[in-house]
Amino acid sequence: MRNYNPLKIMGWWISLIVMIDLVAIPCFDLHVIVGEQTLWSFLASSVRIAIDGLFVLGILASIVYFKQFKRFWAANCLILLVLGLSAFRDLANAASIKYIIRERIDSIGGCMIRSRTEYYSLERNKVRSQCYWKNDEKDSVWTVYSETGSVLEQEHYKNGNLISKN
């Protein structure tokens, strides 16, 4: 284990995450029904995985390389504290998400129609947003609602082009 040090191991971890991203990003279909944020959501998740991995590697490195950890204990504890708080905050945020998405694909008159409805609650009684695609292009009225049901925003699309925005 002498040839390996904690910083090299953590550097390899980050390199692995970056390589996976570089391989996975071109595999994305840009017309995914989940919406336009798929790539950015993937990258955000990738950063989250990298930070969580660094936290776990930091804990393991502090055990395996105890002499080095002890020598720089203040910096190591500060780094572990920051990474740990970030990891636990992310777990708390994930537990607070209480919405659901319903997606549907239909074929009408030779056209592929995709729709997505997002709900504020798991019971599907309050609609959060509605979106539509026709042949993989934005189409129809895209609407965002408040929790009380009032319309917050509407965008009108035709064949992928924004016609109007309210």
N, C-alpha and C. Protein backbone atom coordinates (compact mmCIF):
# COMPACT_ATOMS: atom_id res chain seq x y z
N MET A 1 0.81 -1.20 0.00
CA MET A 1 0.00 0.00 0.00
C MET A 1 0.85 1.27 0.00
N ARG A 2 2.19 1.14 0.05
CA ARG A 2 3.03 2.33 0.13
C ARG A 2 2.98 3.16 -1.16
N ASN A 3 2.80 2.51 -2.32
CA ASN A 3 2.77 3.25 -3.58
C ASN A 3 1.49 4.06 -3.74
N TYR A 4 0.50 3.73 -2.96
CA TYR A 4 -0.77 4.44 -3.05
C TYR A 4 -0.89 5.40 -1.89
N ASN A 5 -1.36 6.58 -2.16
CA ASN A 5 -1.66 7.49 -1.07
C ASN A 5 -3.10 7.94 -1.25
N PRO A 6 -3.70 8.46 -0.20
CA PRO A 6 -5.12 8.83 -0.26
C PRO A 6 -5.46 9.80 -1.39
N LEU A 7 -4.59 10.75 -1.65
CA LEU A 7 -4.88 11.72 -2.72
C LEU A 7 -4.89 11.05 -4.09
N LYS A 8 -3.96 10.11 -4.32
CA LYS A 8 -3.95 9.39 -5.60
C LYS A 8 -5.22 8.57 -5.77
N ILE A 9 -5.63 7.89 -4.71
CA ILE A 9 -6.84 7.07 -4.77
C ILE A 9 -8.06 7.94 -5.06
N MET A 10 -8.16 9.07 -4.39
CA MET A 10 -9.28 9.98 -4.62
C MET A 10 -9.21 10.58 -6.03
N GLY A 11 -8.01 10.85 -6.51
CA GLY A 11 -7.84 11.32 -7.89
C GLY A 11 -8.31 10.28 -8.90
N TRP A 12 -8.00 9.02 -8.63
CA TRP A 12 -8.46 7.93 -9.51
C TRP A 12 -9.98 7.84 -9.48
N TRP A 13 -10.58 8.05 -8.30
CA TRP A 13 -12.04 8.01 -8.18
C TRP A 13 -12.67 9.10 -9.06
N ILE A 14 -12.16 10.31 -8.95
CA ILE A 14 -12.69 11.42 -9.76
C ILE A 14 -12.46 11.12 -11.25
N SER A 15 -11.28 10.59 -11.61
CA SER A 15 -11.01 10.23 -13.01
C SER A 15 -11.99 9.19 -13.52
N LEU A 16 -12.31 8.21 -12.69
CA LEU A 16 -13.27 7.18 -13.07
C LEU A 16 -14.64 7.79 -13.33
N ILE A 17 -15.08 8.69 -12.47
CA ILE A 17 -16.38 9.34 -12.65
C ILE A 17 -16.39 10.14 -13.95
N VAL A 18 -15.31 10.88 -14.22
CA VAL A 18 -15.23 11.68 -15.44
C VAL A 18 -15.24 10.77 -16.68
N MET A 19 -14.51 9.64 -16.62
CA MET A 19 -14.51 8.71 -17.77
C MET A 19 -15.89 8.13 -18.01
N ILE A 20 -16.59 7.77 -16.96
CA ILE A 20 -17.95 7.24 -17.10
C ILE A 20 -18.85 8.31 -17.73
N ASP A 21 -18.70 9.56 -17.28
CA ASP A 21 -19.49 10.65 -17.86
C ASP A 21 -19.20 10.81 -19.35
N LEU A 22 -17.91 10.77 -19.72
CA LEU A 22 -17.54 10.95 -21.12
C LEU A 22 -18.07 9.83 -22.01
N VAL A 23 -18.20 8.63 -21.45
CA VAL A 23 -18.75 7.52 -22.22
C VAL A 23 -20.28 7.60 -22.25
N ALA A 24 -20.89 7.97 -21.14
CA ALA A 24 -22.35 7.94 -21.03
C ALA A 24 -23.04 9.12 -21.72
N ILE A 25 -22.43 10.29 -21.70
CA ILE A 25 -23.09 11.47 -22.25
C ILE A 25 -23.44 11.31 -23.74
N PRO A 26 -22.54 10.81 -24.59
CA PRO A 26 -22.93 10.63 -26.00
C PRO A 26 -24.05 9.60 -26.19
N CYS A 27 -24.25 8.75 -25.21
CA CYS A 27 -25.30 7.73 -25.32
C CYS A 27 -26.70 8.30 -25.09
N PHE A 28 -26.79 9.54 -24.59
CA PHE A 28 -28.10 10.11 -24.32
C PHE A 28 -28.85 10.40 -25.61
N ASP A 29 -30.10 10.03 -25.60
CA ASP A 29 -30.98 10.41 -26.69
C ASP A 29 -31.51 11.80 -26.35
N LEU A 30 -31.27 12.76 -27.19
CA LEU A 30 -31.66 14.13 -26.86
C LEU A 30 -33.17 14.34 -26.84
N HIS A 31 -33.94 13.37 -27.30
CA HIS A 31 -35.39 13.49 -27.33
C HIS A 31 -36.03 12.59 -26.28
N VAL A 32 -35.46 12.53 -25.11
CA VAL A 32 -35.99 11.67 -24.06
C VAL A 32 -37.25 12.31 -23.50
N ILE A 33 -38.18 11.48 -23.11
CA ILE A 33 -39.46 11.99 -22.63
C ILE A 33 -39.33 12.69 -21.28
N VAL A 34 -38.29 12.41 -20.55
CA VAL A 34 -38.14 12.98 -19.22
C VAL A 34 -37.96 14.49 -19.29
N GLY A 35 -37.66 15.03 -20.44
CA GLY A 35 -37.54 16.47 -20.58
C GLY A 35 -36.18 16.88 -21.07
N GLU A 36 -35.95 18.18 -21.08
CA GLU A 36 -34.70 18.68 -21.63
C GLU A 36 -33.57 18.70 -20.61
N GLN A 37 -33.84 18.43 -19.39
CA GLN A 37 -32.83 18.53 -18.34
C GLN A 37 -32.10 17.22 -18.09
N THR A 38 -32.28 16.21 -18.93
CA THR A 38 -31.71 14.89 -18.68
C THR A 38 -30.20 14.95 -18.54
N LEU A 39 -29.52 15.60 -19.47
CA LEU A 39 -28.06 15.68 -19.42
C LEU A 39 -27.60 16.37 -18.15
N TRP A 40 -28.21 17.50 -17.81
CA TRP A 40 -27.81 18.24 -16.62
C TRP A 40 -28.13 17.47 -15.35
N SER A 41 -29.24 16.76 -15.35
CA SER A 41 -29.59 15.93 -14.19
C SER A 41 -28.56 14.82 -14.01
N PHE A 42 -28.14 14.23 -15.13
CA PHE A 42 -27.11 13.19 -15.08
C PHE A 42 -25.81 13.74 -14.51
N LEU A 43 -25.39 14.91 -15.00
CA LEU A 43 -24.15 15.51 -14.51
C LEU A 43 -24.24 15.87 -13.02
N ALA A 44 -25.39 16.38 -12.59
CA ALA A 44 -25.57 16.70 -11.17
C ALA A 44 -25.50 15.43 -10.33
N SER A 45 -26.13 14.36 -10.82
CA SER A 45 -26.06 13.09 -10.09
C SER A 45 -24.63 12.57 -10.05
N SER A 46 -23.91 12.78 -11.13
CA SER A 46 -22.53 12.34 -11.20
C SER A 46 -21.66 13.08 -10.17
N VAL A 47 -21.88 14.37 -10.04
CA VAL A 47 -21.15 15.15 -9.04
C VAL A 47 -21.51 14.67 -7.64
N ARG A 48 -22.79 14.39 -7.43
CA ARG A 48 -23.25 13.89 -6.12
C ARG A 48 -22.58 12.56 -5.79
N ILE A 49 -22.49 11.66 -6.77
CA ILE A 49 -21.84 10.36 -6.56
C ILE A 49 -20.36 10.56 -6.27
N ALA A 50 -19.72 11.49 -6.98
CA ALA A 50 -18.30 11.77 -6.74
C ALA A 50 -18.07 12.26 -5.32
N ILE A 51 -18.91 13.18 -4.85
CA ILE A 51 -18.76 13.71 -3.49
C ILE A 51 -19.00 12.62 -2.45
N ASP A 52 -20.05 11.83 -2.64
CA ASP A 52 -20.32 10.74 -1.69
C ASP A 52 -19.17 9.73 -1.69
N GLY A 53 -18.63 9.44 -2.86
CA GLY A 53 -17.49 8.52 -2.96
C GLY A 53 -16.27 9.07 -2.25
N LEU A 54 -16.02 10.38 -2.41
CA LEU A 54 -14.89 10.99 -1.71
C LEU A 54 -15.07 10.90 -0.19
N PHE A 55 -16.30 11.05 0.28
CA PHE A 55 -16.57 10.93 1.71
C PHE A 55 -16.23 9.52 2.21
N VAL A 56 -16.70 8.51 1.49
CA VAL A 56 -16.42 7.12 1.88
C VAL A 56 -14.93 6.83 1.79
N LEU A 57 -14.29 7.27 0.69
CA LEU A 57 -12.85 7.06 0.55
C LEU A 57 -12.07 7.80 1.64
N GLY A 58 -12.55 8.98 2.02
CA GLY A 58 -11.89 9.73 3.10
C GLY A 58 -11.93 8.99 4.43
N ILE A 59 -13.08 8.37 4.71
CA ILE A 59 -13.19 7.59 5.95
C ILE A 59 -12.28 6.37 5.89
N LEU A 60 -12.31 5.65 4.77
CA LEU A 60 -11.45 4.46 4.63
C LEU A 60 -9.97 4.84 4.67
N ALA A 61 -9.61 5.94 4.02
CA ALA A 61 -8.22 6.37 4.01
C ALA A 61 -7.75 6.77 5.40
N SER A 62 -8.64 7.35 6.20
CA SER A 62 -8.25 7.74 7.56
C SER A 62 -7.96 6.51 8.42
N ILE A 63 -8.57 5.39 8.10
CA ILE A 63 -8.31 4.15 8.83
C ILE A 63 -7.04 3.49 8.31
N VAL A 64 -6.93 3.35 7.00
CA VAL A 64 -5.79 2.65 6.40
C VAL A 64 -4.50 3.46 6.55
N TYR A 65 -4.58 4.76 6.38
CA TYR A 65 -3.40 5.62 6.46
C TYR A 65 -3.48 6.46 7.73
N PHE A 66 -3.59 5.80 8.86
CA PHE A 66 -3.82 6.50 10.12
C PHE A 66 -2.67 7.45 10.49
N LYS A 67 -1.44 7.06 10.17
CA LYS A 67 -0.30 7.93 10.51
C LYS A 67 -0.39 9.26 9.78
N GLN A 68 -0.71 9.21 8.48
CA GLN A 68 -0.85 10.46 7.72
C GLN A 68 -2.06 11.25 8.21
N PHE A 69 -3.14 10.54 8.52
CA PHE A 69 -4.34 11.21 9.01
C PHE A 69 -4.05 11.93 10.32
N LYS A 70 -3.31 11.26 11.20
CA LYS A 70 -2.99 11.83 12.50
C LYS A 70 -2.10 13.06 12.35
N ARG A 71 -1.20 13.02 11.40
CA ARG A 71 -0.27 14.14 11.20
C ARG A 71 -1.01 15.40 10.74
N PHE A 72 -2.01 15.25 9.87
CA PHE A 72 -2.78 16.39 9.36
C PHE A 72 -4.23 16.29 9.81
N TRP A 73 -4.45 15.97 11.07
CA TRP A 73 -5.78 15.66 11.57
C TRP A 73 -6.78 16.80 11.40
N ALA A 74 -6.36 18.04 11.59
CA ALA A 74 -7.31 19.16 11.51
C ALA A 74 -7.85 19.31 10.09
N ALA A 75 -6.98 19.29 9.09
CA ALA A 75 -7.43 19.42 7.70
C ALA A 75 -8.28 18.22 7.30
N ASN A 76 -7.84 17.03 7.69
CA ASN A 76 -8.60 15.83 7.34
C ASN A 76 -9.98 15.82 7.98
N CYS A 77 -10.06 16.21 9.23
CA CYS A 77 -11.37 16.25 9.91
C CYS A 77 -12.28 17.30 9.27
N LEU A 78 -11.72 18.44 8.89
CA LEU A 78 -12.52 19.48 8.24
C LEU A 78 -13.06 18.98 6.89
N ILE A 79 -12.22 18.34 6.11
CA ILE A 79 -12.66 17.81 4.81
C ILE A 79 -13.75 16.75 5.01
N LEU A 80 -13.53 15.83 5.94
CA LEU A 80 -14.54 14.80 6.20
C LEU A 80 -15.84 15.41 6.71
N LEU A 81 -15.75 16.43 7.53
CA LEU A 81 -16.94 17.10 8.04
C LEU A 81 -17.74 17.74 6.90
N VAL A 82 -17.06 18.45 6.01
CA VAL A 82 -17.75 19.11 4.89
C VAL A 82 -18.38 18.07 3.96
N LEU A 83 -17.63 17.03 3.60
CA LEU A 83 -18.16 15.99 2.73
C LEU A 83 -19.30 15.24 3.41
N GLY A 84 -19.16 14.98 4.70
CA GLY A 84 -20.22 14.27 5.44
C GLY A 84 -21.49 15.08 5.53
N LEU A 85 -21.38 16.38 5.83
CA LEU A 85 -22.56 17.23 5.88
C LEU A 85 -23.25 17.28 4.52
N SER A 86 -22.46 17.34 3.46
CA SER A 86 -23.03 17.36 2.11
C SER A 86 -23.78 16.06 1.82
N ALA A 87 -23.20 14.93 2.20
CA ALA A 87 -23.84 13.64 1.96
C ALA A 87 -25.13 13.50 2.76
N PHE A 88 -25.11 13.89 4.02
CA PHE A 88 -26.31 13.76 4.85
C PHE A 88 -27.39 14.77 4.45
N ARG A 89 -26.99 15.95 4.01
CA ARG A 89 -27.97 16.92 3.52
C ARG A 89 -28.68 16.39 2.28
N ASP A 90 -27.90 15.74 1.41
CA ASP A 90 -28.49 15.16 0.21
C ASP A 90 -29.48 14.06 0.56
N LEU A 91 -29.17 13.24 1.55
CA LEU A 91 -30.11 12.20 1.99
C LEU A 91 -31.39 12.81 2.54
N ALA A 92 -31.26 13.88 3.30
CA ALA A 92 -32.44 14.54 3.86
C ALA A 92 -33.31 15.14 2.75
N ASN A 93 -32.67 15.75 1.74
CA ASN A 93 -33.43 16.32 0.62
C ASN A 93 -34.13 15.24 -0.18
N ALA A 94 -33.48 14.11 -0.38
CA ALA A 94 -34.09 13.01 -1.15
C ALA A 94 -35.32 12.48 -0.43
N ALA A 95 -35.28 12.45 0.88
CA ALA A 95 -36.42 11.93 1.64
C ALA A 95 -37.60 12.90 1.60
N SER A 96 -37.34 14.18 1.31
CA SER A 96 -38.42 15.16 1.33
C SER A 96 -39.14 15.29 -0.02
N ILE A 97 -38.62 14.66 -1.08
CA ILE A 97 -39.26 14.74 -2.39
C ILE A 97 -40.51 13.87 -2.39
N LYS A 98 -41.64 14.50 -2.67
CA LYS A 98 -42.90 13.77 -2.62
C LYS A 98 -43.72 14.07 -3.87
N TYR A 99 -43.12 13.90 -5.02
CA TYR A 99 -43.89 14.08 -6.24
C TYR A 99 -43.65 12.89 -7.17
N ILE A 100 -44.49 12.77 -8.15
CA ILE A 100 -44.42 11.63 -9.05
C ILE A 100 -44.66 12.11 -10.48
N ILE A 101 -44.09 11.40 -11.43
CA ILE A 101 -44.23 11.74 -12.85
C ILE A 101 -44.91 10.57 -13.57
N ARG A 102 -45.91 10.90 -14.38
CA ARG A 102 -46.55 9.89 -15.22
C ARG A 102 -46.27 10.25 -16.68
N GLU A 103 -45.74 9.28 -17.42
CA GLU A 103 -45.42 9.50 -18.82
C GLU A 103 -46.22 8.54 -19.68
N ARG A 104 -46.53 9.00 -20.88
CA ARG A 104 -47.36 8.19 -21.77
C ARG A 104 -46.94 8.44 -23.22
N ILE A 105 -46.94 7.38 -24.04
CA ILE A 105 -46.63 7.49 -25.46
C ILE A 105 -47.80 6.89 -26.24
N ASP A 106 -48.35 7.67 -27.18
CA ASP A 106 -49.46 7.21 -28.03
C ASP A 106 -49.08 7.45 -29.48
N SER A 107 -49.72 6.71 -30.37
CA SER A 107 -49.57 6.94 -31.80
C SER A 107 -50.93 7.34 -32.35
N ILE A 108 -51.00 8.57 -32.86
CA ILE A 108 -52.26 9.09 -33.37
C ILE A 108 -52.03 9.55 -34.81
N GLY A 109 -52.70 8.94 -35.75
CA GLY A 109 -52.59 9.33 -37.16
C GLY A 109 -51.16 9.27 -37.67
N GLY A 110 -50.38 8.30 -37.24
CA GLY A 110 -49.00 8.17 -37.70
C GLY A 110 -48.01 9.05 -36.96
N CYS A 111 -48.47 9.84 -36.04
CA CYS A 111 -47.60 10.71 -35.25
C CYS A 111 -47.41 10.11 -33.86
N MET A 112 -46.18 10.18 -33.37
CA MET A 112 -45.93 9.71 -32.02
C MET A 112 -46.15 10.88 -31.06
N ILE A 113 -47.07 10.73 -30.13
CA ILE A 113 -47.41 11.76 -29.15
C ILE A 113 -46.93 11.29 -27.78
N ARG A 114 -46.07 12.10 -27.18
CA ARG A 114 -45.58 11.79 -25.82
C ARG A 114 -46.13 12.85 -24.88
N SER A 115 -46.54 12.41 -23.71
CA SER A 115 -47.02 13.36 -22.71
C SER A 115 -46.41 13.03 -21.36
N ARG A 116 -46.22 14.06 -20.56
CA ARG A 116 -45.71 13.88 -19.20
C ARG A 116 -46.52 14.76 -18.28
N THR A 117 -47.02 14.15 -17.21
CA THR A 117 -47.73 14.88 -16.17
C THR A 117 -46.98 14.67 -14.86
N GLU A 118 -46.65 15.76 -14.20
CA GLU A 118 -45.94 15.71 -12.93
C GLU A 118 -46.91 16.15 -11.84
N TYR A 119 -46.94 15.39 -10.74
CA TYR A 119 -47.87 15.67 -9.64
C TYR A 119 -47.10 16.14 -8.41
N TYR A 120 -47.74 17.03 -7.62
CA TYR A 120 -47.14 17.51 -6.38
C TYR A 120 -47.08 16.44 -5.31
N SER A 121 -48.03 15.52 -5.32
CA SER A 121 -48.06 14.51 -4.26
C SER A 121 -48.08 13.12 -4.86
N LEU A 122 -47.75 12.16 -4.05
CA LEU A 122 -47.75 10.76 -4.50
C LEU A 122 -49.16 10.26 -4.78
N GLU A 123 -50.17 10.93 -4.25
CA GLU A 123 -51.56 10.50 -4.46
C GLU A 123 -52.11 10.94 -5.82
N ARG A 124 -51.34 11.72 -6.57
CA ARG A 124 -51.73 12.19 -7.90
C ARG A 124 -53.01 13.02 -7.89
N ASN A 125 -53.20 13.84 -6.87
CA ASN A 125 -54.41 14.65 -6.84
C ASN A 125 -54.14 16.13 -7.16
N LYS A 126 -52.86 16.54 -7.24
CA LYS A 126 -52.53 17.92 -7.59
C LYS A 126 -51.48 17.92 -8.70
N VAL A 127 -51.89 18.38 -9.88
CA VAL A 127 -50.99 18.41 -11.03
C VAL A 127 -49.98 19.54 -10.86
N ARG A 128 -48.72 19.24 -11.10
CA ARG A 128 -47.64 20.21 -11.01
C ARG A 128 -47.30 20.79 -12.39
N SER A 129 -47.26 19.92 -13.42
CA SER A 129 -46.99 20.40 -14.78
C SER A 129 -47.46 19.37 -15.81
N GLN A 130 -47.70 19.86 -17.03
CA GLN A 130 -48.08 19.00 -18.15
C GLN A 130 -47.27 19.42 -19.37
N CYS A 131 -46.70 18.43 -20.09
CA CYS A 131 -45.88 18.69 -21.27
C CYS A 131 -46.24 17.70 -22.37
N TYR A 132 -46.03 18.11 -23.63
CA TYR A 132 -46.36 17.26 -24.77
C TYR A 132 -45.29 17.37 -25.85
N TRP A 133 -45.03 16.24 -26.52
CA TRP A 133 -44.13 16.19 -27.66
C TRP A 133 -44.86 15.49 -28.81
N LYS A 134 -44.66 15.99 -30.02
CA LYS A 134 -45.20 15.35 -31.22
C LYS A 134 -44.01 15.04 -32.12
N ASN A 135 -43.81 13.75 -32.39
CA ASN A 135 -42.65 13.31 -33.17
C ASN A 135 -41.34 13.87 -32.60
N ASP A 136 -41.19 13.76 -31.29
CA ASP A 136 -40.00 14.16 -30.55
C ASP A 136 -39.70 15.67 -30.59
N GLU A 137 -40.70 16.47 -30.90
CA GLU A 137 -40.55 17.93 -30.83
C GLU A 137 -41.62 18.48 -29.90
N LYS A 138 -41.28 19.52 -29.16
CA LYS A 138 -42.25 20.14 -28.26
C LYS A 138 -43.49 20.53 -29.05
N ASP A 139 -44.64 20.30 -28.45
CA ASP A 139 -45.89 20.62 -29.14
C ASP A 139 -46.97 20.91 -28.12
N SER A 140 -47.95 21.66 -28.55
CA SER A 140 -49.14 21.94 -27.75
C SER A 140 -48.81 22.90 -26.61
N VAL A 141 -49.63 22.87 -25.58
CA VAL A 141 -49.50 23.80 -24.45
C VAL A 141 -48.75 23.11 -23.31
N TRP A 142 -47.66 23.72 -22.86
CA TRP A 142 -46.92 23.25 -21.69
C TRP A 142 -47.34 24.14 -20.53
N THR A 143 -47.83 23.53 -19.46
CA THR A 143 -48.40 24.29 -18.36
C THR A 143 -47.75 23.90 -17.04
N VAL A 144 -47.47 24.91 -16.20
CA VAL A 144 -46.97 24.69 -14.84
C VAL A 144 -48.00 25.27 -13.89
N TYR A 145 -48.39 24.47 -12.88
CA TYR A 145 -49.43 24.87 -11.92
C TYR A 145 -48.83 25.07 -10.52
N SER A 146 -49.48 25.91 -9.73
CA SER A 146 -49.12 26.05 -8.32
C SER A 146 -49.77 24.90 -7.55
N GLU A 147 -49.44 24.79 -6.28
CA GLU A 147 -50.05 23.73 -5.47
C GLU A 147 -51.54 23.95 -5.28
N THR A 148 -51.99 25.18 -5.43
CA THR A 148 -53.43 25.46 -5.30
C THR A 148 -54.18 25.22 -6.60
N GLY A 149 -53.45 24.96 -7.69
CA GLY A 149 -54.10 24.66 -8.96
C GLY A 149 -54.12 25.81 -9.95
N SER A 150 -53.66 26.99 -9.55
CA SER A 150 -53.66 28.12 -10.49
C SER A 150 -52.47 27.98 -11.45
N VAL A 151 -52.63 28.50 -12.64
CA VAL A 151 -51.60 28.41 -13.68
C VAL A 151 -50.48 29.40 -13.37
N LEU A 152 -49.25 28.91 -13.25
CA LEU A 152 -48.09 29.76 -13.01
C LEU A 152 -47.45 30.19 -14.33
N GLU A 153 -47.42 29.27 -15.29
CA GLU A 153 -46.75 29.55 -16.56
C GLU A 153 -47.31 28.66 -17.65
N GLN A 154 -47.43 29.21 -18.84
CA GLN A 154 -47.86 28.44 -20.00
C GLN A 154 -46.98 28.80 -21.19
N GLU A 155 -46.58 27.78 -21.94
CA GLU A 155 -45.83 27.97 -23.17
C GLU A 155 -46.55 27.21 -24.28
N HIS A 156 -46.73 27.85 -25.41
CA HIS A 156 -47.40 27.23 -26.56
C HIS A 156 -46.35 26.89 -27.61
N TYR A 157 -46.30 25.60 -28.01
CA TYR A 157 -45.33 25.13 -29.00
C TYR A 157 -46.05 24.53 -30.19
N LYS A 158 -45.41 24.63 -31.34
CA LYS A 158 -45.89 23.96 -32.55
C LYS A 158 -44.66 23.47 -33.31
N ASN A 159 -44.58 22.16 -33.48
CA ASN A 159 -43.46 21.52 -34.20
C ASN A 159 -42.10 21.93 -33.65
N GLY A 160 -42.00 22.03 -32.33
CA GLY A 160 -40.74 22.35 -31.68
C GLY A 160 -40.44 23.83 -31.53
N ASN A 161 -41.26 24.69 -32.08
CA ASN A 161 -41.04 26.14 -32.00
C ASN A 161 -41.93 26.78 -30.97
N LEU A 162 -41.38 27.66 -30.16
CA LEU A 162 -42.16 28.38 -29.17
C LEU A 162 -43.00 29.44 -29.88
N ILE A 163 -44.31 29.34 -29.71
CA ILE A 163 -45.24 30.29 -30.34
C ILE A 163 -45.51 31.47 -29.42
N SER A 164 -45.83 31.15 -28.15
CA SER A 164 -46.08 32.21 -27.17
C SER A 164 -45.81 31.70 -25.77
N LYS A 165 -45.60 32.65 -24.87
CA LYS A 165 -45.31 32.32 -23.48
C LYS A 165 -46.09 33.26 -22.60
N ASN A 166 -46.82 32.71 -21.62
CA ASN A 166 -47.62 33.54 -20.70
C ASN A 166 -47.02 33.48 -19.33
